[in-house]
Amino acid sequence: MGSPHLLSICVSAFAAVFILLMVLAIVMRLITLLFPDREGGVEAAVVAAISSAITATYPGRVVIKIEEIE
């Protein structure tokens, strides 16, 4: 009689995962509120990463223009 039933273990595990995901969603929401998305073009780090990837993949090629499609 001392061992818990399988159903109660499953329910408590489901509840624990649900609560953990809810806390993570709240933290993500707070982070997006504190650090909003910047407007105004492509960042220099993104340009450097794309240029580096293109140069490594296709030697001798040069990136001319990078634009964001929305």
Protein backbone atom coordinates (compact mmCIF):
# COMPACT_ATOMS: atom_id res chain seq x y z
CA MET A 1 0.00 0.00 0.00
CA GLY A 2 2.98 2.32 0.33
CA SER A 3 3.64 2.61 -3.41
CA PRO A 4 1.80 5.37 -5.29
CA HIS A 5 -0.42 4.51 -8.21
CA LEU A 6 0.84 4.94 -11.75
CA LEU A 7 -1.98 7.35 -12.59
CA SER A 8 -1.07 9.74 -9.77
CA ILE A 9 2.60 9.67 -10.84
CA CYS A 10 1.63 10.51 -14.44
CA VAL A 11 -0.68 13.32 -13.38
CA SER A 12 1.91 14.88 -11.08
CA ALA A 13 4.62 14.63 -13.78
CA PHE A 14 2.29 16.22 -16.35
CA ALA A 15 1.45 19.02 -13.92
CA ALA A 16 5.13 19.62 -13.14
CA VAL A 17 6.05 19.85 -16.84
CA PHE A 18 3.09 22.14 -17.52
CA ILE A 19 4.10 24.47 -14.68
CA LEU A 20 7.73 24.49 -15.83
CA LEU A 21 6.72 25.37 -19.40
CA MET A 22 4.41 28.09 -18.12
CA VAL A 23 7.23 29.63 -16.07
CA LEU A 24 9.57 29.50 -19.08
CA ALA A 25 6.93 31.18 -21.26
CA ILE A 26 6.56 33.98 -18.72
CA VAL A 27 10.34 34.44 -18.57
CA MET A 28 10.54 34.58 -22.36
CA ARG A 29 7.74 37.14 -22.44
CA LEU A 30 9.55 39.31 -19.88
CA ILE A 31 12.80 39.10 -21.86
CA THR A 32 11.04 40.18 -25.06
CA LEU A 33 9.45 43.09 -23.22
CA LEU A 34 12.75 44.20 -21.70
CA PHE A 35 14.73 43.84 -24.94
CA PRO A 36 12.45 44.71 -27.86
CA ASP A 37 13.41 43.99 -31.45
CA ARG A 38 15.48 46.74 -33.02
CA GLU A 39 14.24 48.47 -36.11
CA GLY A 40 16.48 49.65 -38.88
CA GLY A 41 18.35 47.28 -41.10
CA VAL A 42 20.71 44.39 -40.79
CA GLU A 43 23.29 44.29 -38.01
CA ALA A 44 27.01 44.19 -38.75
CA ALA A 45 27.42 40.79 -37.06
CA VAL A 46 24.78 39.27 -39.34
CA VAL A 47 26.46 40.72 -42.42
CA ALA A 48 29.83 39.34 -41.29
CA ALA A 49 28.36 35.89 -40.62
CA ILE A 50 26.62 35.72 -44.00
CA SER A 51 29.71 36.96 -45.85
CA SER A 52 31.90 34.44 -44.04
CA ALA A 53 29.51 31.58 -44.81
CA ILE A 54 29.30 32.52 -48.50
CA THR A 55 33.10 32.85 -48.78
CA ALA A 56 33.60 29.45 -47.13
CA THR A 57 30.97 27.76 -49.30
CA TYR A 58 31.69 29.51 -52.60
CA PRO A 59 35.33 30.72 -52.73
CA GLY A 60 35.85 33.84 -54.78
CA ARG A 61 32.25 35.06 -54.40
CA VAL A 62 31.37 38.39 -52.80
CA VAL A 63 28.17 39.43 -51.06
CA ILE A 64 26.81 42.59 -52.71
CA LYS A 65 23.46 43.21 -51.04
CA ILE A 66 21.63 41.74 -48.05
CA GLU A 67 18.01 42.64 -47.44
CA GLU A 68 15.37 41.32 -45.09
CA ILE A 69 12.16 39.98 -46.64
CA GLU A 70 9.03 40.36 -44.53
